[in-house]
C-alpha atoms as a PDB file:
ATOM      1  CA  UNK A   1     -79.069 -36.626 203.172  1.00  0.00           C
ATOM      2  CA  UNK A   2     -81.726 -34.264 201.809  1.00  0.00           C
ATOM      3  CA  UNK A   3     -84.591 -36.704 202.448  1.00  0.00           C
ATOM      4  CA  UNK A   4     -83.384 -37.164 206.033  1.00  0.00           C
ATOM      5  CA  UNK A   5     -83.946 -33.445 206.599  1.00  0.00           C
ATOM      6  CA  UNK A   6     -87.615 -33.550 205.577  1.00  0.00           C
ATOM      7  CA  UNK A   7     -88.629 -33.715 209.220  1.00  0.00           C
ATOM      8  CA  UNK A   8     -87.852 -29.991 209.503  1.00  0.00           C
ATOM      9  CA  UNK A   9     -90.977 -29.365 207.443  1.00  0.00           C
ATOM     10  CA  UNK A  10     -93.077 -31.011 210.205  1.00  0.00           C
ATOM     11  CA  UNK A  11     -91.770 -29.151 213.262  1.00  0.00           C
ATOM     12  CA  UNK A  12     -94.970 -27.170 213.867  1.00  0.00           C
ATOM     13  CA  UNK A  13     -97.068 -30.336 213.759  1.00  0.00           C
ATOM     14  CA  UNK A  14     -94.582 -32.093 216.065  1.00  0.00           C
ATOM     15  CA  UNK A  15     -94.686 -29.260 218.583  1.00  0.00           C
ATOM     16  CA  UNK A  16     -98.496 -29.268 218.599  1.00  0.00           C
ATOM     17  CA  UNK A  17     -98.861 -33.065 218.814  1.00  0.00           C
ATOM     18  CA  UNK A  18     -96.532 -33.438 221.788  1.00  0.00           C
ATOM     19  CA  UNK A  19     -96.949 -30.058 223.532  1.00  0.00           C
ATOM     20  CA  UNK A  20     -93.155 -29.787 223.743  1.00  0.00           C
ATOM     21  CA  UNK A  21     -90.933 -27.459 225.695  1.00  0.00           C
ATOM     22  CA  UNK A  22     -88.678 -26.452 222.813  1.00  0.00           C
ATOM     23  CA  UNK A  23     -86.115 -24.824 225.114  1.00  0.00           C
ATOM     24  CA  UNK A  24     -84.678 -28.301 225.728  1.00  0.00           C
ATOM     25  CA  UNK A  25     -84.107 -28.905 222.015  1.00  0.00           C
ATOM     26  CA  UNK A  26     -81.492 -27.541 219.642  1.00  0.00           C
ATOM     27  CA  UNK A  27     -81.115 -27.491 215.873  1.00  0.00           C
ATOM     28  CA  UNK A  28     -77.594 -28.106 214.659  1.00  0.00           C
ATOM     29  CA  UNK A  29     -77.054 -27.476 210.984  1.00  0.00           C
ATOM     30  CA  UNK A  30     -74.037 -27.756 208.761  1.00  0.00           C
ATOM     31  CA  UNK A  31     -73.757 -26.483 205.217  1.00  0.00           C
ATOM     32  CA  UNK A  32     -70.316 -26.749 203.692  1.00  0.00           C
ATOM     33  CA  UNK A  33     -67.964 -25.066 206.154  1.00  0.00           C
ATOM     34  CA  UNK A  34     -70.790 -23.208 207.914  1.00  0.00           C
ATOM     35  CA  UNK A  35     -71.915 -24.785 211.195  1.00  0.00           C
ATOM     36  CA  UNK A  36     -74.377 -23.440 213.733  1.00  0.00           C
ATOM     37  CA  UNK A  37     -76.405 -24.526 216.742  1.00  0.00           C
ATOM     38  CA  UNK A  38     -79.574 -22.695 217.780  1.00  0.00           C
ATOM     39  CA  UNK A  39     -82.286 -23.375 220.351  1.00  0.00           C
ATOM     40  CA  UNK A  40     -85.245 -24.919 218.596  1.00  0.00           C
ATOM     41  CA  UNK A  41     -87.521 -22.289 220.130  1.00  0.00           C
ATOM     42  CA  UNK A  42     -85.379 -19.530 218.586  1.00  0.00           C
ATOM     43  CA  UNK A  43     -85.261 -21.391 215.276  1.00  0.00           C
ATOM     44  CA  UNK A  44     -89.057 -21.605 215.172  1.00  0.00           C
ATOM     45  CA  UNK A  45     -89.268 -17.817 215.621  1.00  0.00           C
ATOM     46  CA  UNK A  46     -86.544 -17.044 213.061  1.00  0.00           C
ATOM     47  CA  UNK A  47     -88.619 -17.037 209.875  1.00  0.00           C
ATOM     48  CA  UNK A  48     -85.664 -16.041 207.698  1.00  0.00           C
ATOM     49  CA  UNK A  49     -83.478 -18.974 208.769  1.00  0.00           C
ATOM     50  CA  UNK A  50     -86.418 -21.375 208.820  1.00  0.00           C
ATOM     51  CA  UNK A  51     -87.466 -20.422 205.277  1.00  0.00           C
ATOM     52  CA  UNK A  52     -83.871 -20.606 204.070  1.00  0.00           C
ATOM     53  CA  UNK A  53     -83.369 -24.163 205.378  1.00  0.00           C
ATOM     54  CA  UNK A  54     -86.821 -25.322 204.260  1.00  0.00           C
ATOM     55  CA  UNK A  55     -86.108 -24.095 200.727  1.00  0.00           C
ATOM     56  CA  UNK A  56     -82.782 -25.951 200.678  1.00  0.00           C
ATOM     57  CA  UNK A  57     -84.562 -29.127 201.802  1.00  0.00           C
ATOM     58  CA  UNK A  58     -87.299 -28.785 199.185  1.00  0.00           C
ATOM     59  CA  UNK A  59     -84.607 -28.342 196.506  1.00  0.00           C
ATOM     60  CA  UNK A  60     -82.771 -31.460 197.761  1.00  0.00           C
ATOM     61  CA  UNK A  61     -79.623 -29.457 198.442  1.00  0.00           C
ATOM     62  CA  UNK A  62     -76.915 -30.998 200.577  1.00  0.00           C
ATOM     63  CA  UNK A  63     -76.901 -29.911 204.167  1.00  0.00           C
ATOM     64  CA  UNK A  64     -76.930 -31.668 207.509  1.00  0.00           C
ATOM     65  CA  UNK A  65     -79.596 -30.864 210.100  1.00  0.00           C
ATOM     66  CA  UNK A  66     -79.805 -32.589 213.467  1.00  0.00           C
ATOM     67  CA  UNK A  67     -82.183 -32.078 216.375  1.00  0.00           C
ATOM     68  CA  UNK A  68     -80.626 -32.548 219.781  1.00  0.00           C
ATOM     69  CA  UNK A  69     -82.256 -32.675 223.190  1.00  0.00           C
ATOM     70  CA  UNK A  70     -80.124 -31.632 226.110  1.00  0.00           C
ATOM     71  CA  UNK A  71     -80.689 -32.787 229.658  1.00  0.00           C
ATOM     72  CA  UNK A  72     -79.458 -30.999 232.760  1.00  0.00           C
ATOM     73  CA  UNK A  73     -76.780 -33.087 234.495  1.00  0.00           C
ATOM     74  CA  UNK A  74     -78.034 -32.349 238.027  1.00  0.00           C
ATOM     75  CA  UNK A  75     -81.569 -33.252 236.991  1.00  0.00           C
ATOM     76  CA  UNK A  76     -80.422 -36.553 235.527  1.00  0.00           C
ATOM     77  CA  UNK A  77     -78.507 -37.460 238.669  1.00  0.00           C
ATOM     78  CA  UNK A  78     -81.376 -36.592 241.011  1.00  0.00           C
ATOM     79  CA  UNK A  79     -84.324 -38.032 239.071  1.00  0.00           C
ATOM     80  CA  UNK A  80     -85.101 -41.674 239.953  1.00  0.00           C
ATOM     81  CA  UNK A  81     -87.160 -42.447 236.838  1.00  0.00           C
ATOM     82  CA  UNK A  82     -85.027 -40.730 234.262  1.00  0.00           C
ATOM     83  CA  UNK A  83     -85.410 -43.761 231.973  1.00  0.00           C
ATOM     84  CA  UNK A  84     -89.066 -42.797 231.513  1.00  0.00           C
ATOM     85  CA  UNK A  85     -88.083 -39.345 230.302  1.00  0.00           C
ATOM     86  CA  UNK A  86     -85.584 -40.843 227.857  1.00  0.00           C
ATOM     87  CA  UNK A  87     -88.285 -43.205 226.552  1.00  0.00           C
ATOM     88  CA  UNK A  88     -90.688 -40.283 226.140  1.00  0.00           C
ATOM     89  CA  UNK A  89     -88.021 -38.299 224.269  1.00  0.00           C
ATOM     90  CA  UNK A  90     -87.399 -41.226 221.929  1.00  0.00           C
ATOM     91  CA  UNK A  91     -91.133 -41.472 221.277  1.00  0.00           C
ATOM     92  CA  UNK A  92     -91.320 -37.734 220.535  1.00  0.00           C
ATOM     93  CA  UNK A  93     -88.352 -37.867 218.170  1.00  0.00           C
ATOM     94  CA  UNK A  94     -89.722 -40.971 216.445  1.00  0.00           C
ATOM     95  CA  UNK A  95     -92.540 -38.810 215.076  1.00  0.00           C
ATOM     96  CA  UNK A  96     -89.942 -36.708 213.238  1.00  0.00           C
ATOM     97  CA  UNK A  97     -88.166 -39.828 211.984  1.00  0.00           C
ATOM     98  CA  UNK A  98     -91.465 -41.047 210.522  1.00  0.00           C
ATOM     99  CA  UNK A  99     -91.856 -37.717 208.709  1.00  0.00           C
ATOM    100  CA  UNK A 100     -88.386 -38.068 207.207  1.00  0.00           C
ATOM    101  CA  UNK A 101     -88.991 -41.518 205.730  1.00  0.00           C
ATOM    102  CA  UNK A 102     -92.463 -40.948 204.279  1.00  0.00           C
END
């Protein structure tokens, strides 16, 4: 699990490469019985939490971190080419996957 979380160390590069609107993304993390969900934008500004999780990752400690992208239901239902946005999101997230496996 620890190697899966390595992508967290590349979030700044990811944001710059794709010029992302981080308000659509969330970080969900679980450590033992502690669970939390925070907007990715807020996470990027929270140096204390960011440093804490990065240190745990570097030390190969067990925790689960997931990035989620949320889509507005009304937007999905009204947008004719929503498949293109899903494909773009998959492409964006693939960058993080590549960081986790290298």
